[in-house]
């Protein structure tokens, strides 16, 4: 293990932070630095360093998953309604807890099945009416429907239609339907049903599912997706089964949900990380009692699917005469658990995700977006997993520097395990300092070399304060990167540092105060996994 300790500057003027190289149990055999695509490590050999661990075989997953879905389609009258849970694009949660899982794996899977598949996008009229926002990308659900259609079509996937669910005459839903139809998109309406999902006699009648528009589909695999949870995907599938049965077609239903992974232990870190990710929904992983009774096998599902299964069985039996499934696990088609190639790597990655979710829960609470119950659940998951915030190595490093300097500080863990810190200075915020320090370390630039001259930064400060009316003279991460880019035109060291930016994707960062939206956005665009202490730098009421 490397024990040398270096003092590291902020990238210029030798201000702000230190470096502590360490191996953290990784093999010191021929440096393999993580080359990242969409924010996940795929593993690429580079000169000098430490091997990054991959825990998931993505190619095996794509092959096995597509074969399994085709097999399920064949079990019915060549017509399967497949409810897609989670995100089709940018599934970064899966890539974080299953290192090697590509965030666009579901999309690649659909591309392998594109000749058989069509997509139906579902959106709730209630979500349209209240302008519900997809928090990860900051746009409303109705706009996300348009985005998804464009992205699917751009990749050669067939989008058959859009379904507006839980419709009850909402004006906003009517306006959205009119807009889609003007754009040439077919739109169907599904109505609210009193007593849903327990009033089965009403549901399975002409006043229930029978009142819904029948969705015209042309291909054997119909993928039902949505901008977010609670949109009505399952109800849309069941409504179609009702209508198909009336037309003499024995269509099937299946569910594609990556988490929890049914053939991992109940308390496996990957499954616990799913509970952490859905703490706001209060999802709980459970042993599937129906599967255990039917087959004597222990599998994992979550509370909502287990609670609704008796209702689904009744609906299936009423439509088909018997239920095709004996358990919620039977309904699923997920093969991810069979493609884990390094369980230890996945456990470690999942434990880190639980800690990140805990910090996000605290942040949501301080910013007025969360609830105490969510934080309590995350604390329970931390305790059950034997984790503390110290298990996230950048946390004690950042907090120690902040205590020593009595100013905000930041720490970043680089791909080889090196911890780089950054402190607050007159010219830089801690996040900008740690970013420059990281680039300097990755480029192998000596500490005494200045990447950016103070004379290049002072005009930016003057612009912020004197002309734009700002109060904080310190530079944010985006401003430092702009200055670095300008310097790179004439300076070789700045050019070398700038070329290291792709290597930051997937790196861990912790700051001792809540960052500005500008810094948060910059780190997100770089693919950095950020946490922060849930406190502001100052005591203002408005932030």
Protein backbone atom coordinates (compact mmCIF):
# COMPACT_ATOMS: atom_id res chain seq x y z
CA UNK A 1 0.00 0.00 0.00
CA UNK A 2 1.20 3.49 -0.83
CA UNK A 3 1.70 5.56 2.29
CA UNK A 4 3.26 8.73 0.95
CA UNK A 5 1.30 11.89 1.61
CA UNK A 6 1.46 14.88 -0.66
CA UNK A 7 0.38 18.47 -0.31
CA UNK A 8 -1.53 19.41 -3.39
CA UNK A 9 -2.40 22.86 -4.63
CA UNK A 10 -5.66 24.06 -6.13
CA UNK A 11 -4.19 24.07 -9.62
CA UNK A 12 -2.61 27.50 -9.34
CA UNK A 13 -0.85 29.48 -6.58
CA UNK A 14 -0.51 26.13 -4.69
CA UNK A 15 -3.71 26.67 -2.71
CA UNK A 16 -6.16 24.18 -1.32
CA UNK A 17 -5.87 20.51 -0.50
CA UNK A 18 -3.85 17.33 -0.35
CA UNK A 19 -3.56 13.89 -1.94
CA UNK A 20 -3.49 10.50 -0.22
CA UNK A 21 -2.84 7.60 -2.61
CA UNK A 22 -4.11 4.18 -1.46
CA UNK A 23 -5.16 0.91 -3.05
CA UNK A 24 -8.22 -0.07 -0.98
CA UNK A 25 -7.86 -3.78 -1.63
CA UNK A 26 -7.61 -3.49 -5.42
CA UNK A 27 -5.09 -5.51 -7.40
CA UNK A 28 -1.87 -3.67 -8.19
CA UNK A 29 -1.37 -5.51 -11.44
CA UNK A 30 -0.92 -3.48 -14.62
CA UNK A 31 -2.85 -0.26 -14.39
CA UNK A 32 -6.39 -0.60 -15.72
CA UNK A 33 -8.10 2.73 -15.46
CA UNK A 34 -11.85 2.92 -15.75
CA UNK A 35 -12.89 4.31 -19.11
CA UNK A 36 -16.42 5.53 -18.61
CA UNK A 37 -19.40 5.62 -20.90
CA UNK A 38 -22.66 7.12 -19.64
CA UNK A 39 -21.13 7.28 -16.16
CA UNK A 40 -20.22 3.63 -15.61
CA UNK A 41 -16.94 1.75 -15.63
CA UNK A 42 -16.40 -0.57 -18.56
CA UNK A 43 -12.71 -1.19 -17.86
CA UNK A 44 -10.04 -0.04 -20.27
CA UNK A 45 -6.33 -0.73 -20.02
CA UNK A 46 -4.20 2.37 -19.63
CA UNK A 47 -0.57 2.92 -18.70
CA UNK A 48 0.11 2.53 -14.99
CA UNK A 49 -2.45 2.23 -12.17
CA UNK A 50 -4.89 -0.12 -10.43
CA UNK A 51 -7.53 -2.42 -11.89
CA UNK A 52 -11.13 -1.23 -11.62
CA UNK A 53 -13.53 -4.00 -10.62
CA UNK A 54 -16.47 -4.85 -12.83
CA UNK A 55 -19.25 -6.83 -11.19
CA UNK A 56 -21.77 -7.29 -14.00
CA UNK A 57 -21.54 -8.97 -17.42
CA UNK A 58 -23.55 -6.65 -19.63
CA UNK A 59 -23.17 -8.63 -22.86
CA UNK A 60 -24.37 -11.83 -21.20
CA UNK A 61 -27.30 -9.86 -19.80
CA UNK A 62 -28.42 -8.51 -23.16
CA UNK A 63 -28.29 -11.96 -24.75
CA UNK A 64 -30.01 -13.80 -21.91
CA UNK A 65 -32.66 -11.11 -21.37
CA UNK A 66 -33.71 -10.83 -25.02
CA UNK A 67 -33.97 -14.63 -25.33
CA UNK A 68 -36.11 -14.82 -22.19
CA UNK A 69 -38.51 -12.14 -23.42
CA UNK A 70 -38.90 -13.86 -26.79
CA UNK A 71 -39.64 -17.08 -24.95
CA UNK A 72 -42.35 -15.38 -22.88
CA UNK A 73 -43.96 -13.88 -26.00
CA UNK A 74 -44.24 -17.39 -27.44
CA UNK A 75 -46.19 -18.67 -24.43
CA UNK A 76 -49.22 -16.61 -25.43
CA UNK A 77 -50.97 -15.98 -28.76
CA UNK A 78 -47.87 -14.16 -30.00
CA UNK A 79 -49.05 -11.10 -28.09
CA UNK A 80 -47.36 -9.96 -24.89
CA UNK A 81 -47.92 -6.73 -22.99
CA UNK A 82 -44.66 -6.08 -21.17
CA UNK A 83 -44.74 -3.54 -18.36
CA UNK A 84 -41.36 -1.81 -18.22
CA UNK A 85 -40.54 -0.60 -14.72
CA UNK A 86 -37.82 1.95 -14.01
CA UNK A 87 -36.11 4.01 -16.67
CA UNK A 88 -35.50 2.99 -20.25
CA UNK A 89 -32.91 5.73 -20.68
CA UNK A 90 -30.16 6.69 -18.27
CA UNK A 91 -30.69 3.92 -15.70
CA UNK A 92 -27.84 5.22 -13.58
CA UNK A 93 -29.06 3.54 -10.39
CA UNK A 94 -28.54 0.13 -11.98
CA UNK A 95 -25.10 1.13 -13.31
CA UNK A 96 -24.06 2.36 -9.87
CA UNK A 97 -25.05 -0.79 -7.95
CA UNK A 98 -24.08 -3.26 -10.70
CA UNK A 99 -20.69 -2.01 -11.95
CA UNK A 100 -20.56 -2.92 -15.62
CA UNK A 101 -24.30 -2.51 -16.22
CA UNK A 102 -24.76 -0.01 -19.04
CA UNK A 103 -27.32 2.71 -18.22
CA UNK A 104 -28.80 2.22 -21.68
CA UNK A 105 -29.03 -1.60 -21.40
CA UNK A 106 -32.82 -1.66 -21.56
CA UNK A 107 -32.67 0.46 -24.67
CA UNK A 108 -30.12 -1.87 -26.29
CA UNK A 109 -32.38 -4.74 -25.35
CA UNK A 110 -35.30 -3.14 -27.17
CA UNK A 111 -33.12 -2.49 -30.18
CA UNK A 112 -32.40 -6.22 -30.35
CA UNK A 113 -36.16 -6.82 -30.31
CA UNK A 114 -37.18 -3.81 -32.40
CA UNK A 115 -38.61 -5.85 -35.29
CA UNK A 116 -41.06 -7.46 -32.85
CA UNK A 117 -41.68 -4.57 -30.48
CA UNK A 118 -43.71 -1.41 -30.36
CA UNK A 119 -43.84 1.09 -27.54
CA UNK A 120 -46.87 2.56 -25.85
CA UNK A 121 -46.17 5.50 -23.54
CA UNK A 122 -48.51 5.96 -20.60
CA UNK A 123 -49.11 9.22 -18.72
CA UNK A 124 -51.62 10.00 -15.98
CA UNK A 125 -54.09 12.82 -16.58
CA UNK A 126 -53.62 13.83 -12.95
CA UNK A 127 -49.86 14.23 -13.51
CA UNK A 128 -50.51 16.36 -16.59
CA UNK A 129 -52.94 18.55 -14.64
CA UNK A 130 -50.54 19.22 -11.75
CA UNK A 131 -47.47 19.64 -14.02
CA UNK A 132 -45.63 16.83 -12.26
CA UNK A 133 -41.88 17.12 -12.76
CA UNK A 134 -39.42 14.34 -13.39
CA UNK A 135 -36.85 15.29 -10.76
CA UNK A 136 -33.77 13.77 -12.38
CA UNK A 137 -34.01 15.87 -15.54
CA UNK A 138 -36.22 18.71 -14.34
CA UNK A 139 -38.99 18.65 -16.96
CA UNK A 140 -42.71 17.93 -16.66
CA UNK A 141 -44.10 14.49 -17.46
CA UNK A 142 -45.98 15.72 -20.52
CA UNK A 143 -42.81 17.24 -21.99
CA UNK A 144 -40.95 14.05 -21.17
CA UNK A 145 -43.46 12.09 -23.26
CA UNK A 146 -42.49 14.23 -26.26
CA UNK A 147 -38.81 13.75 -25.45
CA UNK A 148 -39.21 9.98 -25.20
CA UNK A 149 -41.07 9.78 -28.51
CA UNK A 150 -38.30 11.72 -30.25
CA UNK A 151 -35.57 9.59 -28.68
CA UNK A 152 -37.29 6.28 -29.45
CA UNK A 153 -38.00 7.24 -33.04
CA UNK A 154 -34.49 8.57 -33.48
CA UNK A 155 -33.18 5.11 -32.62
CA UNK A 156 -35.49 3.34 -35.05
CA UNK A 157 -38.01 2.10 -32.46
CA UNK A 158 -41.70 2.12 -33.29
CA UNK A 159 -43.87 4.23 -30.99
CA UNK A 160 -47.44 3.08 -31.51
CA UNK A 161 -49.38 5.49 -29.32
CA UNK A 162 -49.77 7.42 -26.09
CA UNK A 163 -52.35 6.52 -23.43
CA UNK A 164 -53.73 9.14 -21.04
CA UNK A 165 -54.78 7.21 -17.92
CA UNK A 166 -57.03 8.10 -14.96
CA UNK A 167 -58.89 10.46 -17.27
CA UNK A 168 -61.80 12.36 -15.75
CA UNK A 169 -62.28 15.30 -18.09
CA UNK A 170 -59.17 17.24 -17.09
CA UNK A 171 -58.73 20.25 -19.36
CA UNK A 172 -54.94 20.01 -19.34
CA UNK A 173 -55.18 16.37 -20.45
CA UNK A 174 -57.50 17.35 -23.32
CA UNK A 175 -55.07 20.06 -24.42
CA UNK A 176 -52.20 17.59 -24.35
CA UNK A 177 -54.19 15.04 -26.33
CA UNK A 178 -55.03 17.68 -28.96
CA UNK A 179 -51.38 18.68 -29.22
CA UNK A 180 -50.23 15.09 -29.72
CA UNK A 181 -52.86 14.42 -32.35
CA UNK A 182 -51.79 17.54 -34.23
CA UNK A 183 -48.28 16.09 -34.19
CA UNK A 184 -49.56 12.87 -35.72
CA UNK A 185 -49.43 10.75 -32.55
CA UNK A 186 -52.34 8.42 -31.78
CA UNK A 187 -53.80 9.04 -28.32
CA UNK A 188 -56.13 6.83 -26.26
CA UNK A 189 -57.95 7.55 -23.01
CA UNK A 190 -58.42 5.26 -20.03
CA UNK A 191 -60.83 6.32 -17.34
CA UNK A 192 -60.91 6.31 -13.57
CA UNK A 193 -62.72 3.31 -12.09
CA UNK A 194 -64.37 3.65 -8.70
CA UNK A 195 -62.97 1.22 -6.14
CA UNK A 196 -59.93 0.30 -8.25
CA UNK A 197 -58.27 -2.20 -7.90
CA UNK A 198 -60.53 -4.12 -5.53
CA UNK A 199 -63.94 -3.60 -7.16
CA UNK A 200 -63.37 -6.45 -9.61
CA UNK A 201 -67.00 -6.86 -10.82
CA UNK A 202 -66.95 -3.20 -11.92
CA UNK A 203 -63.41 -3.36 -13.30
CA UNK A 204 -64.24 -6.37 -15.51
CA UNK A 205 -67.36 -4.85 -17.01
CA UNK A 206 -68.31 -2.51 -19.83
CA UNK A 207 -68.33 0.34 -17.29
CA UNK A 208 -64.81 -0.55 -16.16
CA UNK A 209 -62.13 -1.73 -18.55
CA UNK A 210 -64.79 -1.93 -21.24
CA UNK A 211 -65.15 1.85 -21.17
CA UNK A 212 -61.46 2.37 -21.92
CA UNK A 213 -60.30 2.95 -25.48
CA UNK A 214 -58.91 -0.19 -27.06
CA UNK A 215 -55.28 0.45 -28.04
CA UNK A 216 -54.63 -0.61 -31.62
CA UNK A 217 -51.30 -2.45 -31.73
CA UNK A 218 -49.49 -4.08 -34.63
CA UNK A 219 -46.62 -6.11 -33.18
CA UNK A 220 -46.34 -9.16 -30.92
CA UNK A 221 -44.39 -7.41 -28.13
CA UNK A 222 -46.03 -4.27 -26.75
CA UNK A 223 -43.78 -2.45 -24.30
CA UNK A 224 -45.68 -0.25 -21.87
CA UNK A 225 -43.50 2.51 -20.46
CA UNK A 226 -44.00 5.88 -18.76
CA UNK A 227 -42.16 9.02 -17.64
CA UNK A 228 -42.32 7.89 -14.01
CA UNK A 229 -44.05 5.74 -11.37
CA UNK A 230 -47.79 5.86 -10.72
CA UNK A 231 -48.63 6.49 -14.35
CA UNK A 232 -50.90 3.44 -14.74
CA UNK A 233 -48.74 0.98 -16.70
CA UNK A 234 -50.13 -2.17 -15.07
CA UNK A 235 -53.74 -1.02 -15.41
CA UNK A 236 -53.12 -0.29 -19.09
CA UNK A 237 -51.80 -3.81 -19.62
CA UNK A 238 -54.75 -5.42 -17.82
CA UNK A 239 -57.24 -3.29 -19.73
CA UNK A 240 -55.72 -4.52 -22.98
CA UNK A 241 -55.94 -8.16 -21.83
CA UNK A 242 -59.66 -7.62 -21.23
CA UNK A 243 -60.17 -6.12 -24.69
CA UNK A 244 -57.99 -8.70 -26.46
CA UNK A 245 -59.92 -11.54 -24.80
CA UNK A 246 -63.19 -10.05 -26.08
CA UNK A 247 -61.63 -10.21 -29.55
CA UNK A 248 -60.63 -13.86 -29.11
CA UNK A 249 -56.91 -13.17 -28.60
CA UNK A 250 -55.15 -14.90 -25.69
CA UNK A 251 -52.68 -12.07 -24.97
CA UNK A 252 -50.26 -12.23 -22.07
CA UNK A 253 -48.81 -9.91 -19.48
CA UNK A 254 -45.33 -9.80 -17.95
CA UNK A 255 -43.33 -7.36 -15.91
CA UNK A 256 -39.77 -6.23 -16.52
CA UNK A 257 -38.47 -4.67 -13.31
CA UNK A 258 -34.74 -4.74 -12.59
CA UNK A 259 -35.10 -4.36 -8.82
CA UNK A 260 -35.39 -5.96 -6.41
CA UNK A 261 -33.45 -8.82 -8.00
CA UNK A 262 -35.60 -11.87 -7.35
CA UNK A 263 -32.80 -14.46 -7.14
CA UNK A 264 -30.53 -12.53 -4.77
CA UNK A 265 -30.98 -12.83 -0.97
CA UNK A 266 -33.55 -10.55 0.63
CA UNK A 267 -30.90 -8.54 2.50
CA UNK A 268 -28.30 -8.48 -0.26
CA UNK A 269 -26.84 -4.94 -0.58
CA UNK A 270 -28.12 -4.67 -4.18
CA UNK A 271 -31.69 -5.22 -2.97
CA UNK A 272 -31.20 -2.96 0.05
CA UNK A 273 -29.96 -0.24 -2.31
CA UNK A 274 -33.28 -0.53 -4.15
CA UNK A 275 -35.14 0.07 -0.89
CA UNK A 276 -32.95 3.13 -0.34
CA UNK A 277 -33.74 4.39 -3.84
CA UNK A 278 -37.48 4.07 -3.20
CA UNK A 279 -37.50 5.29 0.41
CA UNK A 280 -39.87 8.10 -0.59
CA UNK A 281 -42.35 5.48 -1.87
CA UNK A 282 -41.80 3.29 1.21
CA UNK A 283 -41.27 0.19 -0.91
CA UNK A 284 -40.27 -2.83 1.17
CA UNK A 285 -38.51 -5.93 -0.14
CA UNK A 286 -40.19 -9.16 0.95
CA UNK A 287 -39.95 -12.89 0.46
CA UNK A 288 -42.57 -13.81 -2.14
CA UNK A 289 -44.95 -16.02 -0.10
CA UNK A 290 -46.90 -17.14 -3.18
CA UNK A 291 -43.75 -18.41 -4.90
CA UNK A 292 -42.57 -20.14 -1.74
CA UNK A 293 -45.92 -21.91 -1.36
CA UNK A 294 -46.19 -22.90 -5.03
CA UNK A 295 -42.62 -24.05 -5.65
CA UNK A 296 -40.87 -24.26 -2.28
CA UNK A 297 -38.32 -21.71 -3.54
CA UNK A 298 -37.34 -18.49 -1.77
CA UNK A 299 -37.45 -15.46 -4.05
CA UNK A 300 -37.61 -11.71 -3.46
CA UNK A 301 -40.24 -9.23 -4.57
CA UNK A 302 -41.56 -6.00 -3.12
CA UNK A 303 -44.61 -5.19 -1.09
CA UNK A 304 -46.78 -3.54 -3.74
CA UNK A 305 -46.56 -6.44 -6.19
CA UNK A 306 -47.16 -8.97 -3.42
CA UNK A 307 -50.14 -7.04 -2.06
CA UNK A 308 -51.77 -6.68 -5.48
CA UNK A 309 -51.13 -10.25 -6.65
CA UNK A 310 -54.37 -11.81 -5.25
CA UNK A 311 -56.30 -9.14 -7.16
CA UNK A 312 -54.34 -9.87 -10.33
CA UNK A 313 -54.94 -13.60 -9.97
CA UNK A 314 -58.67 -12.95 -9.69
CA UNK A 315 -58.61 -10.72 -12.77
CA UNK A 316 -56.57 -13.25 -14.77
CA UNK A 317 -58.92 -16.06 -13.77
CA UNK A 318 -61.99 -13.99 -14.67
CA UNK A 319 -60.57 -13.15 -18.09
CA UNK A 320 -58.87 -16.43 -19.06
CA UNK A 321 -60.58 -18.99 -16.83
CA UNK A 322 -57.31 -19.56 -14.96
CA UNK A 323 -54.27 -17.55 -13.93
CA UNK A 324 -51.09 -18.09 -16.00
CA UNK A 325 -48.99 -17.20 -12.94
CA UNK A 326 -48.74 -18.65 -9.45
CA UNK A 327 -46.70 -15.81 -7.94
CA UNK A 328 -45.55 -12.21 -8.53
CA UNK A 329 -42.09 -13.63 -9.27
CA UNK A 330 -43.62 -15.70 -12.09
CA UNK A 331 -44.78 -12.49 -13.77
CA UNK A 332 -41.26 -11.09 -13.97
CA UNK A 333 -38.77 -11.63 -16.77
CA UNK A 334 -35.67 -10.04 -15.22
CA UNK A 335 -32.40 -11.95 -15.74
CA UNK A 336 -30.01 -9.44 -14.11
CA UNK A 337 -29.27 -11.67 -11.12
CA UNK A 338 -27.84 -14.33 -13.43
CA UNK A 339 -25.30 -11.90 -14.89
CA UNK A 340 -23.43 -10.80 -11.76
CA UNK A 341 -19.81 -11.86 -12.25
CA UNK A 342 -18.27 -10.30 -9.11
CA UNK A 343 -20.66 -10.29 -6.17
CA UNK A 344 -18.20 -8.53 -3.85
CA UNK A 345 -17.85 -5.62 -6.28
CA UNK A 346 -21.63 -5.29 -6.53
CA UNK A 347 -22.03 -5.41 -2.74
CA UNK A 348 -19.47 -2.64 -2.25
CA UNK A 349 -21.03 -0.50 -4.98
CA UNK A 350 -24.50 -0.99 -3.47
CA UNK A 351 -23.32 -0.04 0.02
CA UNK A 352 -21.94 3.18 -1.42
CA UNK A 353 -25.29 3.84 -3.10
CA UNK A 354 -27.11 3.41 0.23
CA UNK A 355 -24.86 6.05 1.82
CA UNK A 356 -25.38 8.42 -1.11
CA UNK A 357 -29.14 7.98 -0.83
CA UNK A 358 -28.93 8.75 2.87
CA UNK A 359 -27.17 12.03 2.17
CA UNK A 360 -29.72 12.85 -0.53
CA UNK A 361 -32.54 12.19 1.94
CA UNK A 362 -31.00 14.62 4.43
CA UNK A 363 -30.56 17.19 1.66
CA UNK A 364 -34.19 16.81 0.54
CA UNK A 365 -35.32 17.38 4.12
CA UNK A 366 -33.30 20.58 4.52
CA UNK A 367 -34.49 21.89 1.15
CA UNK A 368 -38.14 21.12 1.90
CA UNK A 369 -38.53 18.30 -0.63
CA UNK A 370 -38.42 15.32 1.72
CA UNK A 371 -39.97 13.89 4.87
CA UNK A 372 -38.58 12.69 8.19
CA UNK A 373 -39.98 9.21 7.51
CA UNK A 374 -37.80 8.90 4.43
CA UNK A 375 -34.67 9.77 6.41
CA UNK A 376 -35.67 7.40 9.23
CA UNK A 377 -35.95 4.55 6.72
CA UNK A 378 -32.58 5.38 5.19
CA UNK A 379 -31.00 5.45 8.64
CA UNK A 380 -32.52 2.03 9.33
CA UNK A 381 -31.09 0.64 6.10
CA UNK A 382 -27.68 2.06 6.99
CA UNK A 383 -27.83 0.39 10.42
CA UNK A 384 -29.04 -2.92 8.99
CA UNK A 385 -26.16 -2.87 6.50
CA UNK A 386 -23.59 -2.04 9.18
CA UNK A 387 -22.71 1.21 7.42
CA UNK A 388 -21.74 4.66 8.63
CA UNK A 389 -20.91 7.76 6.63
CA UNK A 390 -17.23 7.00 7.29
CA UNK A 391 -17.58 4.05 4.87
CA UNK A 392 -17.71 6.69 2.15
CA UNK A 393 -14.02 7.59 2.13
CA UNK A 394 -14.43 11.10 0.77
CA UNK A 395 -16.60 12.07 3.76
CA UNK A 396 -13.98 11.96 6.54
CA UNK A 397 -11.38 13.45 4.17
CA UNK A 398 -13.56 16.49 3.38
CA UNK A 399 -14.75 16.95 6.96
CA UNK A 400 -11.21 16.78 8.35
CA UNK A 401 -10.03 19.51 5.98
CA UNK A 402 -13.05 21.68 6.81
CA UNK A 403 -12.33 21.30 10.53
CA UNK A 404 -8.70 22.24 10.03
CA UNK A 405 -9.37 25.28 7.85
CA UNK A 406 -12.72 26.29 9.40
CA UNK A 407 -13.99 26.80 5.84
CA UNK A 408 -15.99 24.65 3.39
CA UNK A 409 -13.98 21.79 1.90
CA UNK A 410 -14.36 19.00 -0.67
CA UNK A 411 -12.80 15.62 -1.38
CA UNK A 412 -12.76 13.45 -4.50
CA UNK A 413 -11.82 9.78 -4.90
CA UNK A 414 -10.11 9.17 -8.24
CA UNK A 415 -10.34 5.94 -10.28
CA UNK A 416 -7.18 4.49 -8.69
CA UNK A 417 -8.36 5.19 -5.12
CA UNK A 418 -6.40 8.42 -4.65
CA UNK A 419 -8.18 10.94 -2.42
CA UNK A 420 -7.80 14.55 -3.54
CA UNK A 421 -9.06 17.42 -1.40
CA UNK A 422 -9.83 21.06 -2.08
CA UNK A 423 -10.26 23.95 0.34
CA UNK A 424 -11.95 27.33 0.04
CA UNK A 425 -9.64 30.19 -0.97
CA UNK A 426 -10.04 33.82 -1.94
CA UNK A 427 -10.23 32.87 -5.59
CA UNK A 428 -11.89 29.44 -5.56
CA UNK A 429 -14.72 27.63 -3.89
CA UNK A 430 -13.88 24.20 -2.50
CA UNK A 431 -15.62 22.36 -5.35
CA UNK A 432 -13.64 24.27 -7.99
CA UNK A 433 -10.42 23.65 -6.05
CA UNK A 434 -10.95 19.90 -5.76
CA UNK A 435 -11.82 19.72 -9.47
CA UNK A 436 -8.56 21.40 -10.50
CA UNK A 437 -6.58 19.31 -8.03
CA UNK A 438 -8.07 16.13 -9.47
CA UNK A 439 -7.25 17.10 -13.05
CA UNK A 440 -3.71 18.03 -12.03
CA UNK A 441 -3.24 14.69 -10.24
CA UNK A 442 -4.61 12.65 -13.15
CA UNK A 443 -2.37 14.48 -15.61
CA UNK A 444 0.71 13.93 -13.40
CA UNK A 445 1.41 17.65 -13.27
CA UNK A 446 3.79 18.66 -10.45
CA UNK A 447 2.30 20.61 -7.58
CA UNK A 448 4.42 23.71 -8.19
CA UNK A 449 3.09 24.13 -11.75
CA UNK A 450 0.28 26.66 -12.10
CA UNK A 451 -2.54 25.54 -14.41
CA UNK A 452 -4.27 28.90 -14.42
CA UNK A 453 -2.67 32.21 -13.60
CA UNK A 454 -4.44 34.37 -10.99
CA UNK A 455 -4.33 37.17 -13.55
CA UNK A 456 -6.62 35.09 -15.77
CA UNK A 457 -9.14 34.60 -12.97
CA UNK A 458 -9.29 38.12 -11.59
CA UNK A 459 -11.14 39.56 -14.65
CA UNK A 460 -13.83 36.86 -14.21
CA UNK A 461 -14.20 37.87 -10.54
CA UNK A 462 -14.47 41.53 -11.52
CA UNK A 463 -17.18 40.66 -14.06
CA UNK A 464 -19.16 38.74 -11.44
CA UNK A 465 -19.03 41.44 -8.77
CA UNK A 466 -18.83 44.78 -10.57
CA UNK A 467 -20.92 44.10 -13.65
CA UNK A 468 -23.26 41.21 -12.83
CA UNK A 469 -24.04 42.26 -9.26
CA UNK A 470 -22.83 39.07 -7.60
CA UNK A 471 -21.75 38.86 -3.96
CA UNK A 472 -19.50 35.81 -4.06
CA UNK A 473 -16.14 36.53 -5.76
CA UNK A 474 -15.04 32.89 -5.70
CA UNK A 475 -15.19 31.00 -8.96
CA UNK A 476 -17.60 28.12 -9.52
CA UNK A 477 -16.61 24.92 -11.26
CA UNK A 478 -17.99 25.98 -14.65
CA UNK A 479 -16.10 29.28 -14.53
CA UNK A 480 -12.84 27.53 -13.64
CA UNK A 481 -13.32 25.08 -16.52
CA UNK A 482 -13.87 27.98 -18.91
CA UNK A 483 -10.67 29.64 -17.64
CA UNK A 484 -8.82 26.32 -17.99
CA UNK A 485 -10.11 25.91 -21.54
CA UNK A 486 -8.86 29.39 -22.45
CA UNK A 487 -5.47 28.64 -20.88
CA UNK A 488 -5.28 25.36 -22.81
CA UNK A 489 -5.00 27.31 -26.04
CA UNK A 490 -1.44 28.34 -25.23
CA UNK A 491 -0.38 26.14 -22.29
CA UNK A 492 0.53 22.46 -22.62
CA UNK A 493 -0.13 21.65 -18.95
CA UNK A 494 -3.61 23.15 -19.14
CA UNK A 495 -4.25 21.07 -22.28
CA UNK A 496 -3.12 17.91 -20.50
CA UNK A 497 -5.31 18.67 -17.50
CA UNK A 498 -8.36 19.38 -19.66
CA UNK A 499 -8.01 16.01 -21.39
CA UNK A 500 -8.48 14.27 -18.02
CA UNK A 501 -12.11 15.39 -17.68
CA UNK A 502 -13.63 12.11 -19.02
CA UNK A 503 -11.81 10.19 -16.28
CA UNK A 504 -13.84 12.01 -13.61
CA UNK A 505 -17.03 10.22 -14.61
CA UNK A 506 -17.95 7.82 -11.81
CA UNK A 507 -15.61 9.43 -9.27
CA UNK A 508 -16.93 10.05 -5.74
CA UNK A 509 -17.10 13.60 -4.32
CA UNK A 510 -18.22 14.94 -0.95
CA UNK A 511 -18.51 18.57 0.11
CA UNK A 512 -19.03 19.91 3.61
CA UNK A 513 -21.75 22.38 2.57
CA UNK A 514 -24.64 22.39 0.11
CA UNK A 515 -23.35 23.47 -3.28
CA UNK A 516 -24.88 26.03 -5.60
CA UNK A 517 -27.01 24.70 -8.41
CA UNK A 518 -24.23 25.70 -10.83
CA UNK A 519 -21.64 23.49 -9.13
CA UNK A 520 -24.10 20.63 -8.69
CA UNK A 521 -24.99 20.74 -12.38
CA UNK A 522 -21.33 20.82 -13.42
CA UNK A 523 -20.51 17.73 -11.36
CA UNK A 524 -23.58 15.96 -12.72
CA UNK A 525 -22.56 16.69 -16.31
CA UNK A 526 -19.11 15.32 -15.57
CA UNK A 527 -20.67 12.09 -14.26
CA UNK A 528 -19.33 12.68 -10.74
CA UNK A 529 -21.23 10.98 -7.88
CA UNK A 530 -21.79 13.84 -5.44
CA UNK A 531 -22.89 13.99 -1.81
CA UNK A 532 -22.80 16.88 0.62
CA UNK A 533 -23.45 17.66 4.24
CA UNK A 534 -27.00 18.95 4.63
CA UNK A 535 -26.08 22.48 5.68
CA UNK A 536 -25.66 25.76 3.88
CA UNK A 537 -22.47 27.82 3.95
CA UNK A 538 -24.35 30.76 5.51
CA UNK A 539 -27.39 31.11 7.74
CA UNK A 540 -29.60 32.99 5.28
CA UNK A 541 -33.24 31.97 5.15
CA UNK A 542 -33.41 32.25 1.36
CA UNK A 543 -31.01 30.22 -0.78
